[in-house]
C-alpha atoms as a PDB file:
ATOM      1  CA  MET A   1       5.012  12.036 -14.866  1.00  0.00           C
ATOM      2  CA  VAL A   2       1.573  11.866 -13.228  1.00  0.00           C
ATOM      3  CA  VAL A   3      -1.500  10.722 -15.011  1.00  0.00           C
ATOM      4  CA  ARG A   4      -4.879  11.176 -13.226  1.00  0.00           C
ATOM      5  CA  GLU A   5      -8.505  11.094 -14.255  1.00  0.00           C
ATOM      6  CA  ASP A   6     -10.280  14.320 -13.137  1.00  0.00           C
ATOM      7  CA  THR A   7     -13.483  13.657 -14.875  1.00  0.00           C
ATOM      8  CA  PRO A   8     -14.741  10.434 -16.062  1.00  0.00           C
ATOM      9  CA  GLY A   9     -13.083   9.981 -19.619  1.00  0.00           C
ATOM     10  CA  LEU A  10     -10.914  12.872 -19.079  1.00  0.00           C
ATOM     11  CA  SER A  11      -7.261  12.438 -17.989  1.00  0.00           C
ATOM     12  CA  THR A  12      -4.649  15.049 -16.870  1.00  0.00           C
ATOM     13  CA  VAL A  13      -1.029  14.287 -17.616  1.00  0.00           C
ATOM     14  CA  ALA A  14       1.670  16.291 -15.612  1.00  0.00           C
ATOM     15  CA  PHE A  15       5.467  16.314 -16.069  1.00  0.00           C
ATOM     16  CA  ILE A  16       8.266  17.526 -13.918  1.00  0.00           C
ATOM     17  CA  ASP A  17      11.109  19.276 -15.594  1.00  0.00           C
ATOM     18  CA  PRO A  18      14.025  16.758 -15.436  1.00  0.00           C
ATOM     19  CA  GLN A  19      16.361  19.717 -15.067  1.00  0.00           C
ATOM     20  CA  THR A  20      14.816  20.345 -11.608  1.00  0.00           C
ATOM     21  CA  MET A  21      16.323  16.986 -10.651  1.00  0.00           C
ATOM     22  CA  VAL A  22      19.723  18.280 -11.622  1.00  0.00           C
ATOM     23  CA  ALA A  23      19.544  21.111  -9.387  1.00  0.00           C
ATOM     24  CA  LEU A  24      18.137  19.064  -6.444  1.00  0.00           C
ATOM     25  CA  SER A  25      20.712  16.379  -6.724  1.00  0.00           C
ATOM     26  CA  GLY A  26      23.640  18.781  -6.915  1.00  0.00           C
ATOM     27  CA  ASN A  27      25.193  16.021  -9.139  1.00  0.00           C
ATOM     28  CA  PRO A  28      26.295  17.468 -12.577  1.00  0.00           C
ATOM     29  CA  GLN A  29      26.518  13.916 -14.036  1.00  0.00           C
ATOM     30  CA  VAL A  30      22.598  13.548 -13.684  1.00  0.00           C
ATOM     31  CA  ARG A  31      22.356  16.225 -16.260  1.00  0.00           C
ATOM     32  CA  GLU A  32      23.045  13.852 -19.224  1.00  0.00           C
ATOM     33  CA  VAL A  33      20.193  11.570 -17.981  1.00  0.00           C
ATOM     34  CA  ALA A  34      18.037  14.696 -17.350  1.00  0.00           C
ATOM     35  CA  ASP A  35      18.554  15.824 -20.922  1.00  0.00           C
ATOM     36  CA  ASP A  36      17.575  12.560 -22.475  1.00  0.00           C
ATOM     37  CA  ALA A  37      14.472  12.417 -20.279  1.00  0.00           C
ATOM     38  CA  ALA A  38      13.489  15.859 -21.208  1.00  0.00           C
ATOM     39  CA  ALA A  39      13.746  14.918 -24.901  1.00  0.00           C
ATOM     40  CA  ARG A  40      11.601  11.898 -24.321  1.00  0.00           C
ATOM     41  CA  LEU A  41       8.961  13.753 -22.305  1.00  0.00           C
ATOM     42  CA  ALA A  42       8.737  16.430 -25.009  1.00  0.00           C
ATOM     43  CA  ARG A  43       8.009  13.760 -27.617  1.00  0.00           C
ATOM     44  CA  VAL A  44       5.348  12.222 -25.325  1.00  0.00           C
ATOM     45  CA  ARG A  45       3.655  15.688 -24.714  1.00  0.00           C
ATOM     46  CA  GLU A  46       3.615  16.374 -28.442  1.00  0.00           C
ATOM     47  CA  ARG A  47       1.883  13.001 -29.149  1.00  0.00           C
ATOM     48  CA  LEU A  48      -0.522  13.603 -26.468  1.00  0.00           C
ATOM     49  CA  ALA A  49      -1.353  17.101 -27.521  1.00  0.00           C
ATOM     50  CA  ALA A  50      -1.777  15.747 -31.110  1.00  0.00           C
ATOM     51  CA  GLY A  51      -4.458  13.421 -29.914  1.00  0.00           C
END
């Protein structure tokens, strides 16, 4: 996750898909961690969108 202030008082939050890390690592055991991370990031994204 990256958080940056583009304009004073306006922040941008960017996420990388955790499943990308599974593909990059080549280690199938990473999938369980990535699935958990994806669920957590989805909740964060929903809360941020709700304001």
